[in-house]
Protein backbone atom coordinates (compact mmCIF):
# COMPACT_ATOMS: atom_id res chain seq x y z
CA MET A 1 -9.48 -26.50 24.43
CA SER A 2 -7.77 -23.62 23.98
CA THR A 3 -9.70 -20.30 22.58
CA THR A 4 -8.11 -21.12 19.29
CA GLN A 5 -9.20 -24.64 19.22
CA GLU A 6 -12.42 -24.07 20.30
CA LEU A 7 -12.83 -21.22 17.59
CA GLN A 8 -11.66 -23.65 15.03
CA HIS A 9 -13.99 -26.10 16.01
CA ILE A 10 -17.04 -23.47 15.96
CA ASP A 11 -15.44 -22.45 12.76
CA ARG A 12 -15.71 -26.06 10.95
CA THR A 13 -18.67 -26.92 12.71
CA ASN A 14 -21.03 -23.85 11.80
CA VAL A 15 -19.44 -21.28 9.42
CA TRP A 16 -19.43 -21.51 5.58
CA HIS A 17 -16.49 -19.50 3.68
CA PRO A 18 -16.82 -17.20 0.60
CA PHE A 19 -15.13 -18.71 -2.10
CA THR A 20 -13.92 -21.69 -0.32
CA GLN A 21 -13.86 -25.52 -0.91
CA MET A 22 -15.09 -26.27 2.35
CA ALA A 23 -14.47 -29.89 2.29
CA GLU A 24 -10.50 -28.74 2.17
CA TRP A 25 -10.85 -25.74 4.86
CA THR A 26 -12.59 -28.48 7.43
CA GLN A 27 -9.62 -30.66 7.14
CA GLN A 28 -6.93 -27.72 8.16
CA ASP A 29 -6.08 -25.71 11.07
CA GLN A 30 -7.53 -21.89 10.53
CA LEU A 31 -5.93 -18.77 10.43
CA ILE A 32 -8.43 -16.86 13.07
CA ILE A 33 -7.61 -13.02 12.88
CA GLU A 34 -8.53 -11.44 16.38
CA SER A 35 -7.34 -7.56 16.44
CA GLY A 36 -5.28 -5.64 13.69
CA LYS A 37 -3.07 -2.65 13.95
CA ASP A 38 -1.21 -0.13 11.33
CA ASN A 39 -0.76 -2.40 8.23
CA TRP A 40 -0.80 -5.81 10.14
CA VAL A 41 -3.65 -8.38 11.73
CA ILE A 42 -3.13 -10.44 14.50
CA ASP A 43 -4.46 -13.85 15.17
CA THR A 44 -6.10 -15.53 18.50
CA GLU A 45 -2.18 -16.61 18.93
CA GLY A 46 -0.77 -13.22 19.47
CA ASN A 47 1.05 -13.93 15.55
CA ARG A 48 1.43 -11.00 13.53
CA TYR A 49 1.02 -10.97 9.91
CA LEU A 50 1.41 -8.10 7.26
CA ASP A 51 -1.76 -7.42 5.29
CA GLY A 52 -0.65 -7.77 1.84
CA ILE A 53 -4.21 -7.95 0.37
CA SER A 54 -5.34 -4.85 2.61
CA SER A 55 -8.36 -7.06 3.97
CA LEU A 56 -9.69 -8.04 0.41
CA TRP A 57 -8.62 -4.90 -1.01
CA THR A 58 -10.36 -2.76 1.26
CA ASN A 59 -7.84 -1.18 3.83
CA VAL A 60 -6.53 2.15 2.93
CA HIS A 61 -4.96 3.85 5.82
CA GLY A 62 -4.42 0.45 8.27
CA HIS A 63 -6.09 -0.66 10.79
CA CYS A 64 -7.33 1.13 13.85
CA VAL A 65 -6.68 4.38 12.55
CA PRO A 66 -7.21 7.00 15.29
CA GLU A 67 -8.66 9.52 13.40
CA ILE A 68 -11.54 7.13 12.04
CA ASP A 69 -12.31 5.20 14.85
CA LYS A 70 -13.10 8.80 16.64
CA ALA A 71 -15.36 9.21 14.09
CA VAL A 72 -17.18 6.22 13.77
CA GLN A 73 -17.12 6.19 18.02
CA GLU A 74 -18.59 10.21 18.00
CA GLN A 75 -21.32 9.00 15.57
CA LEU A 76 -22.34 6.27 17.91
CA THR A 77 -23.05 8.69 20.17
CA LYS A 78 -25.43 10.30 18.19
CA ILE A 79 -27.31 7.47 15.68
CA ALA A 80 -26.33 3.74 14.71
CA HIS A 81 -28.62 4.07 11.68
CA THR A 82 -31.70 6.05 10.24
CA THR A 83 -33.37 5.26 6.80
CA MET A 84 -33.02 7.05 3.81
CA LEU A 85 -36.60 6.29 2.46
CA GLY A 86 -38.17 9.36 3.30
CA LEU A 87 -35.61 10.92 5.38
CA ALA A 88 -31.79 11.88 5.02
CA SER A 89 -28.92 12.12 7.89
CA VAL A 90 -26.26 14.47 7.90
CA PRO A 91 -23.19 11.73 7.68
CA ALA A 92 -25.09 10.80 4.23
CA THR A 93 -25.95 13.85 2.99
CA GLU A 94 -22.32 15.71 3.65
CA LEU A 95 -20.58 12.12 2.63
CA ALA A 96 -22.41 12.85 -0.83
CA LYS A 97 -20.96 16.44 -1.41
CA ARG A 98 -17.36 15.50 -0.34
CA LEU A 99 -17.76 13.10 -3.21
CA VAL A 100 -18.72 14.53 -5.67
CA ASP A 101 -16.06 16.94 -4.90
CA ILE A 102 -13.30 14.62 -5.85
CA LEU A 103 -14.89 12.87 -8.85
CA PRO A 104 -14.53 13.48 -11.90
CA GLU A 105 -16.46 16.31 -13.13
CA GLY A 106 -19.86 15.77 -14.18
CA LEU A 107 -20.46 13.15 -11.62
CA THR A 108 -23.22 14.65 -9.18
CA ARG A 109 -26.09 12.06 -7.65
CA VAL A 110 -25.22 9.76 -5.24
CA PHE A 111 -27.13 6.70 -4.63
CA TYR A 112 -25.73 4.78 -1.82
CA SER A 113 -25.96 1.12 -1.06
CA ASP A 114 -23.27 -1.28 0.87
CA SER A 115 -21.17 -3.62 -1.56
CA GLY A 116 -19.89 -3.33 -4.43
CA SER A 117 -22.27 -5.73 -5.92
CA THR A 118 -24.98 -3.58 -5.17
CA ALA A 119 -23.10 -0.59 -6.64
CA VAL A 120 -23.34 -2.13 -10.02
CA GLU A 121 -26.83 -3.71 -9.74
CA VAL A 122 -27.72 0.08 -9.23
CA ALA A 123 -26.04 1.23 -11.74
CA LEU A 124 -27.45 -1.48 -14.29
CA LYS A 125 -30.96 -0.64 -13.17
CA ILE A 126 -30.53 2.81 -13.73
CA ALA A 127 -29.29 2.60 -16.84
CA PHE A 128 -31.50 0.18 -18.20
CA GLN A 129 -34.48 2.14 -16.51
CA PHE A 130 -32.73 5.67 -17.91
CA GLN A 131 -33.18 4.04 -21.60
CA GLN A 132 -37.07 2.63 -20.85
CA GLN A 133 -38.26 6.57 -19.78
CA ALA A 134 -36.17 9.16 -20.24
CA GLU A 135 -36.65 11.78 -23.01
CA LYS A 136 -33.32 10.88 -24.21
CA GLY A 137 -33.40 7.00 -23.80
CA ASP A 138 -34.32 4.65 -26.57
CA PRO A 139 -36.66 1.42 -24.99
CA ASN A 140 -34.98 -0.92 -27.83
CA ARG A 141 -31.85 -0.31 -26.05
CA ILE A 142 -32.11 -3.72 -23.63
CA LYS A 143 -28.55 -5.32 -23.55
CA PHE A 144 -25.41 -4.64 -21.62
CA ILE A 145 -22.26 -4.73 -23.40
CA SER A 146 -18.97 -5.71 -20.66
CA MET A 147 -15.82 -7.49 -20.91
CA GLN A 148 -14.86 -11.32 -20.83
CA ASN A 149 -13.42 -11.77 -17.63
CA ALA A 150 -14.17 -8.85 -15.71
CA TYR A 151 -15.45 -9.19 -12.39
CA HIS A 152 -18.54 -7.02 -10.96
CA GLY A 153 -19.82 -8.81 -7.89
CA ASP A 154 -22.10 -11.91 -6.95
CA THR A 155 -25.64 -10.51 -7.35
CA ILE A 156 -27.46 -11.48 -10.61
CA GLY A 157 -27.14 -8.85 -12.58
CA SER A 158 -23.57 -8.22 -11.43
CA VAL A 159 -22.63 -11.58 -12.66
CA ALA A 160 -24.82 -11.52 -15.76
CA VAL A 161 -22.43 -8.18 -16.79
CA GLY A 162 -19.40 -10.29 -15.04
CA GLY A 163 -17.07 -12.77 -17.26
CA MET A 164 -15.85 -15.30 -14.99
CA ASP A 165 -16.81 -18.77 -15.65
CA LEU A 166 -15.10 -20.37 -12.70
CA PHE A 167 -17.34 -18.41 -10.47
CA HIS A 168 -20.24 -18.02 -12.58
CA ALA A 169 -20.85 -20.66 -15.05
CA THR A 170 -23.17 -22.41 -12.81
CA TYR A 171 -25.73 -19.67 -13.16
CA LYS A 172 -25.88 -19.19 -16.63
CA HIS A 173 -29.74 -19.87 -16.64
CA MET A 174 -30.21 -17.26 -14.65
CA LEU A 175 -28.73 -14.60 -16.24
CA PHE A 176 -29.86 -11.99 -18.96
CA GLN A 177 -27.78 -12.20 -21.93
CA GLY A 178 -25.64 -9.57 -23.09
CA GLU A 179 -22.68 -8.55 -25.26
CA LYS A 180 -18.83 -9.50 -24.07
CA VAL A 181 -15.96 -8.14 -25.59
CA ILE A 182 -12.58 -10.23 -25.33
CA THR A 183 -10.35 -8.66 -22.65
CA PRO A 184 -6.98 -7.25 -23.59
CA TYR A 185 -4.24 -9.66 -22.18
CA CYS A 186 -0.97 -8.75 -23.36
CA TYR A 187 0.93 -11.58 -22.03
CA ARG A 188 -1.46 -14.27 -23.52
CA CYS A 189 -2.83 -12.02 -26.59
CA PRO A 190 -6.09 -13.46 -27.72
CA PHE A 191 -5.32 -12.11 -31.08
CA GLY A 192 -1.99 -13.72 -31.08
CA LYS A 193 0.13 -10.72 -31.37
CA GLU A 194 3.12 -9.63 -29.16
CA LYS A 195 2.87 -6.61 -26.98
CA ASP A 196 5.70 -4.68 -28.41
CA THR A 197 4.51 -5.66 -32.34
CA CYS A 198 0.50 -5.44 -32.14
CA ASP A 199 -1.78 -3.44 -34.02
CA ARG A 200 -4.09 -2.91 -30.85
CA GLU A 201 -6.14 -5.33 -32.64
CA CYS A 202 -8.22 -5.37 -29.40
CA PHE A 203 -8.82 -1.64 -29.84
CA GLN A 204 -10.44 -2.46 -33.10
CA HIS A 205 -12.15 -5.41 -31.73
CA VAL A 206 -14.14 -3.07 -29.09
CA GLU A 207 -14.95 -0.99 -32.01
CA ASP A 208 -16.63 -3.90 -33.54
CA VAL A 209 -18.78 -4.98 -30.93
CA ILE A 210 -19.92 -1.87 -30.41
CA GLU A 211 -20.56 -0.85 -34.23
CA GLN A 212 -22.26 -3.98 -34.66
CA HIS A 213 -24.57 -4.27 -31.04
CA GLY A 214 -24.41 -0.43 -30.13
CA ASN A 215 -27.95 0.28 -31.23
CA THR A 216 -29.23 -1.91 -29.17
CA ALA A 217 -26.94 -1.43 -26.03
CA ALA A 218 -28.05 0.02 -22.86
CA ALA A 219 -24.47 0.37 -20.99
CA PHE A 220 -21.17 -0.59 -21.38
CA VAL A 221 -19.68 -1.69 -18.28
CA ILE A 222 -15.99 -1.53 -17.91
CA GLU A 223 -13.42 -1.99 -14.79
CA PRO A 224 -11.09 1.07 -15.59
CA LEU A 225 -7.14 0.33 -16.01
CA VAL A 226 -7.30 -3.21 -14.20
CA GLN A 227 -9.68 -6.12 -14.25
CA GLY A 228 -8.76 -7.14 -10.89
CA ALA A 229 -10.34 -10.85 -10.41
CA ALA A 230 -9.26 -12.01 -13.61
CA GLY A 231 -6.11 -11.62 -12.59
CA GLN A 232 -5.11 -8.03 -12.01
CA LEU A 233 -4.81 -7.68 -16.28
CA MET A 234 -3.70 -4.38 -17.23
CA HIS A 235 -5.62 -2.59 -20.27
CA PRO A 236 -3.06 -0.96 -22.76
CA THR A 237 -2.87 2.76 -22.17
CA GLY A 238 -5.67 4.40 -24.15
CA TYR A 239 -8.22 1.91 -24.10
CA LEU A 240 -10.32 3.24 -21.19
CA THR A 241 -10.28 6.32 -23.59
CA HIS A 242 -11.31 4.95 -26.48
CA VAL A 243 -14.06 3.06 -25.06
CA ARG A 244 -15.09 6.56 -23.50
CA ASN A 245 -14.89 7.54 -27.13
CA LEU A 246 -16.80 4.93 -28.66
CA CYS A 247 -20.24 5.16 -25.90
CA THR A 248 -20.38 8.76 -26.96
CA ARG A 249 -20.25 8.41 -30.44
CA HIS A 250 -23.16 5.58 -29.83
CA ASN A 251 -24.93 6.83 -27.16
CA ILE A 252 -24.22 4.48 -24.82
CA ILE A 253 -23.86 5.01 -20.94
CA LEU A 254 -20.75 4.32 -19.72
CA ILE A 255 -20.67 2.64 -16.48
CA ALA A 256 -17.41 2.30 -14.63
CA ASP A 257 -16.81 -0.32 -12.08
CA GLU A 258 -14.49 1.44 -9.80
CA VAL A 259 -14.96 -1.29 -6.74
CA ALA A 260 -11.65 -2.59 -6.86
CA VAL A 261 -9.56 0.07 -8.30
CA GLY A 262 -10.70 3.30 -6.54
CA PHE A 263 -9.32 5.48 -4.09
CA GLY A 264 -6.07 5.54 -4.69
CA LYS A 265 -5.08 1.70 -5.65
CA THR A 266 -3.98 2.92 -9.15
CA GLY A 267 -1.90 5.46 -8.31
CA THR A 268 -4.65 8.39 -8.40
CA MET A 269 -7.60 8.34 -6.27
CA PHE A 270 -9.79 7.20 -9.21
CA ALA A 271 -8.56 5.11 -12.16
CA CYS A 272 -10.61 7.35 -14.52
CA GLU A 273 -8.47 9.90 -13.72
CA GLN A 274 -5.36 8.44 -15.47
CA GLU A 275 -6.78 8.97 -18.97
CA SER A 276 -9.09 12.27 -18.20
CA ILE A 277 -12.68 10.41 -18.77
CA THR A 278 -15.76 10.63 -16.84
CA PRO A 279 -18.13 8.16 -17.08
CA ASP A 280 -21.69 8.61 -16.90
CA ILE A 281 -22.02 6.26 -13.78
CA ILE A 282 -19.23 5.31 -11.41
CA CYS A 283 -19.64 2.74 -9.05
CA LEU A 284 -17.56 3.02 -5.37
CA ALA A 285 -17.22 0.79 -2.66
CA LYS A 286 -14.06 -1.50 -0.51
CA GLY A 287 -12.03 1.89 -0.23
CA ILE A 288 -14.89 4.08 0.29
CA SER A 289 -15.09 3.95 4.24
CA ALA A 290 -11.19 3.08 4.48
CA GLY A 291 -12.19 -0.57 5.17
CA TYR A 292 -14.31 -0.02 8.22
CA LEU A 293 -17.79 -0.35 7.43
CA PRO A 294 -19.94 -1.63 4.73
CA LEU A 295 -20.71 0.72 2.13
CA ALA A 296 -21.09 1.38 -1.55
CA ALA A 297 -22.26 4.46 -3.79
CA THR A 298 -23.25 4.82 -7.43
CA VAL A 299 -22.62 8.36 -9.19
CA ALA A 300 -24.40 9.27 -12.01
CA SER A 301 -24.49 12.55 -14.02
CA GLU A 302 -26.93 14.84 -14.01
CA ALA A 303 -28.23 14.12 -17.55
CA ILE A 304 -28.80 10.15 -15.95
CA TYR A 305 -30.30 11.42 -12.70
CA ASN A 306 -32.88 13.69 -14.97
CA GLY A 307 -33.91 10.78 -16.42
CA PHE A 308 -35.91 9.91 -13.49
CA LEU A 309 -37.60 13.24 -12.89
CA GLY A 310 -41.58 13.34 -13.46
CA LYS A 311 -44.76 13.22 -11.58
CA HIS A 312 -46.13 10.93 -9.34
CA GLU A 313 -48.24 9.38 -11.32
CA GLU A 314 -46.13 9.12 -13.97
CA PHE A 315 -43.96 6.51 -12.05
CA LYS A 316 -40.36 7.23 -12.90
CA THR A 317 -39.08 7.00 -9.42
CA PHE A 318 -36.09 4.75 -9.05
CA PHE A 319 -37.85 2.46 -7.09
CA HIS A 320 -34.57 0.72 -5.54
CA GLY A 321 -32.99 0.74 -2.19
CA HIS A 322 -31.41 -1.15 0.64
CA THR A 323 -32.34 -1.06 4.47
CA TYR A 324 -28.78 0.19 5.24
CA THR A 325 -28.36 2.74 2.32
CA GLY A 326 -26.09 5.38 3.55
CA ASN A 327 -25.75 4.02 7.23
CA PRO A 328 -24.40 6.96 9.28
CA LEU A 329 -21.58 5.14 10.55
CA ALA A 330 -20.46 4.09 7.51
CA CYS A 331 -20.86 7.71 6.26
CA ALA A 332 -19.37 8.79 9.22
CA ALA A 333 -16.16 6.89 8.49
CA ALA A 334 -16.07 7.59 4.90
CA ILE A 335 -15.99 11.06 5.82
CA ALA A 336 -12.89 10.22 8.23
CA ASN A 337 -11.51 8.53 5.33
CA LEU A 338 -11.57 11.44 2.89
CA ASP A 339 -10.30 13.88 5.80
CA TYR A 340 -7.39 11.63 6.52
CA PHE A 341 -6.39 11.58 2.49
CA LYS A 342 -6.21 15.22 2.70
CA ALA A 343 -4.94 15.83 5.98
CA ASN A 344 -1.80 13.24 5.53
CA ASN A 345 -1.15 13.97 1.61
CA VAL A 346 -1.88 10.10 1.13
CA MET A 347 -1.63 10.32 -2.72
CA GLU A 348 1.77 12.75 -2.60
CA LYS A 349 3.32 10.58 -0.30
CA LEU A 350 1.95 6.92 -2.15
CA GLN A 351 4.32 7.67 -5.22
CA PRO A 352 7.47 6.65 -3.79
CA LYS A 353 6.32 3.30 -2.53
CA ILE A 354 4.67 2.76 -5.85
CA ALA A 355 8.50 3.52 -7.35
CA HIS A 356 9.91 1.07 -4.78
CA LEU A 357 7.45 -1.51 -4.93
CA GLN A 358 7.97 -1.56 -8.75
CA ASN A 359 11.97 -2.10 -8.40
CA ARG A 360 11.48 -4.86 -5.72
CA LEU A 361 9.20 -6.47 -8.43
CA ALA A 362 11.24 -6.39 -11.42
CA ALA A 363 13.64 -8.43 -9.25
CA MET A 364 11.49 -10.98 -9.29
CA LEU A 365 11.05 -11.77 -13.05
CA GLU A 366 14.24 -13.39 -12.65
CA LEU A 367 12.55 -16.53 -10.79
CA ASP A 368 12.19 -19.33 -12.68
CA HIS A 369 8.41 -19.57 -12.74
CA VAL A 370 7.26 -15.92 -13.03
CA GLY A 371 5.95 -15.54 -16.16
CA GLU A 372 4.90 -12.01 -15.98
CA ILE A 373 4.46 -9.20 -13.01
CA ARG A 374 1.22 -6.42 -13.87
CA ASN A 375 1.74 -3.61 -12.08
CA ARG A 376 -0.61 -0.30 -11.42
CA GLY A 377 0.34 1.75 -8.14
CA ILE A 378 -0.15 -0.86 -5.41
CA MET A 379 -2.34 -3.06 -7.56
CA THR A 380 0.06 -6.15 -8.64
CA GLY A 381 -0.16 -9.34 -10.12
CA ILE A 382 2.24 -12.23 -10.47
CA GLU A 383 1.60 -14.43 -12.86
CA LEU A 384 3.16 -17.57 -12.09
CA VAL A 385 4.06 -20.76 -15.00
CA GLN A 386 5.11 -23.97 -15.10
CA ASP A 387 7.41 -23.33 -18.31
CA LYS A 388 8.33 -19.53 -19.38
CA ALA A 389 9.16 -20.01 -22.70
CA THR A 390 6.30 -21.80 -23.47
CA LYS A 391 3.85 -20.05 -21.10
CA THR A 392 2.33 -23.49 -19.77
CA SER A 393 0.36 -22.97 -16.50
CA PHE A 394 0.43 -25.66 -13.36
CA GLU A 395 -2.21 -28.02 -13.15
CA THR A 396 -5.08 -26.62 -11.55
CA ALA A 397 -5.23 -29.93 -8.98
CA ASP A 398 -1.63 -29.07 -8.13
CA LYS A 399 -3.06 -25.67 -6.31
CA ILE A 400 0.63 -23.72 -6.77
CA ALA A 401 -0.16 -20.38 -6.20
CA HIS A 402 -2.38 -21.17 -3.44
CA LYS A 403 0.67 -23.28 -2.36
CA VAL A 404 2.75 -20.12 -2.52
CA CYS A 405 0.05 -17.91 -0.37
CA MET A 406 0.50 -20.45 2.60
CA GLU A 407 4.31 -20.58 2.80
CA ALA A 408 4.38 -16.80 2.51
CA ARG A 409 2.62 -16.96 5.81
CA LYS A 410 5.49 -18.64 7.49
CA HIS A 411 7.08 -15.27 7.16
CA GLY A 412 4.40 -13.14 8.34
CA VAL A 413 2.86 -11.89 5.20
CA ILE A 414 -0.81 -12.77 4.17
CA ILE A 415 -1.45 -12.70 0.49
CA ARG A 416 -3.72 -14.68 -1.94
CA ASN A 417 -3.67 -15.79 -5.21
CA LEU A 418 -6.43 -15.83 -8.32
CA GLY A 419 -5.78 -18.97 -10.12
CA ASP A 420 -2.24 -19.07 -11.00
CA VAL A 421 -1.66 -15.49 -10.23
CA ILE A 422 -0.40 -13.96 -6.87
CA VAL A 423 -1.97 -10.76 -5.92
CA LEU A 424 -0.41 -8.22 -3.66
CA MET A 425 -2.71 -5.30 -2.87
CA PRO A 426 -1.52 -3.53 0.61
CA PRO A 427 -2.83 -0.55 2.44
CA LEU A 428 -1.34 2.70 0.89
CA SER A 429 -0.32 3.37 4.54
CA ILE A 430 2.48 0.48 3.77
CA THR A 431 6.07 1.71 4.54
CA LEU A 432 9.31 1.29 2.43
CA ASP A 433 10.27 -1.69 4.76
CA GLU A 434 7.16 -3.38 4.80
CA ILE A 435 7.20 -3.32 0.97
CA ASP A 436 10.55 -5.35 1.20
CA LEU A 437 9.00 -7.68 3.68
CA LEU A 438 6.26 -8.36 1.31
CA CYS A 439 8.32 -8.78 -1.81
CA ASN A 440 11.16 -10.70 -0.03
CA ALA A 441 8.57 -13.42 1.30
CA THR A 442 6.38 -13.57 -1.46
CA ALA A 443 9.88 -14.21 -3.81
CA GLU A 444 11.19 -16.61 -1.02
CA ALA A 445 7.61 -18.37 -1.14
CA ILE A 446 7.42 -18.80 -5.03
CA ARG A 447 10.93 -20.09 -4.89
CA VAL A 448 10.45 -22.80 -2.15
CA VAL A 449 7.37 -23.69 -3.61
CA THR A 450 8.25 -24.15 -7.73
CA GLU A 451 11.58 -24.90 -7.49
């Protein structure tokens, strides 16, 4: 067998892939990635593919960035890992200050973990414990309010505040109960309204939920601006501010899950910046290390942090931690990531790319089976429909959007679908020519599969 054939055999025999129906997976040849350079990944046969989903929304500046490579290599000559239980490390300490300097003002205390799920899990436990023990807490606040269609990760706490029944309905008896807010989904408005003529019923709805349950809510958890895994659903302008104000009025801790939307993806470094709000706790992961190594951070305000201070015998300590909390290699990559943002004016250079992407996306609306295109920054969702007039979805068993993604590979582009929604989320380093390739390949794949 060739190297590729041998690897495919091992994969089919020994590997269990995430979010994958393995009965189908093992019936086809697999694309096995061996290396990457800039915005491209390369398989074991030497074929190059544009990384149109930034390696599941994590890669920021492309693959094999010399400055970040060097930072990790230099850290390897010092120490690869040391615990933060009773010790501190140089990279973790320096990164904490760097994060506080660029986050919305007022977020001052960094707690490290290693994935988006754990970042949210940490935030939930912090919020709950704060209510139980802090002077300004309230032990009666034992529930969480979150959004329908939300995705906050796959650990039990993060699943409980999520709203993706497709992923998590099986585990419903394992979960704690909370309150769910109907997601603003303008294309398929749950209130039966049209986008241009509605009375912002979604604003009134979230207010009603908080009015009813606010006195028992420990925290409100939200993906700011964009609900990614729900199909790139964009919240209306002002919705995030409205939620912030409601939480302040009702003394509810606001947790902003910026795992997917942070580090430039919405067009600003953090999504919360676009509505000038500061959450009480923010969750970061994915792009924090530029897609190099597993790393996450849950950053809280000083007021939240102070609720955990006390004498040893009071047991107010936050009894939570991870083996690889604050891993020095990952923190070194994250520091180099932030250095790269600044040294290369990444956010300034991103703006014309966003404009070009939006122009190219607009032309796709002319395709017969593109119902809506949702975009903020580089985050893009293309919703496919069987019939534009009725917004009728395709049959699930037909796997139309999945077939589009497979067709795009023939044009040298890797994209991914969420149900009937095609997701485009390339690295911030994508070039204008690569944006053209990404859009051309996606449009042609949609046309071939649906027409």
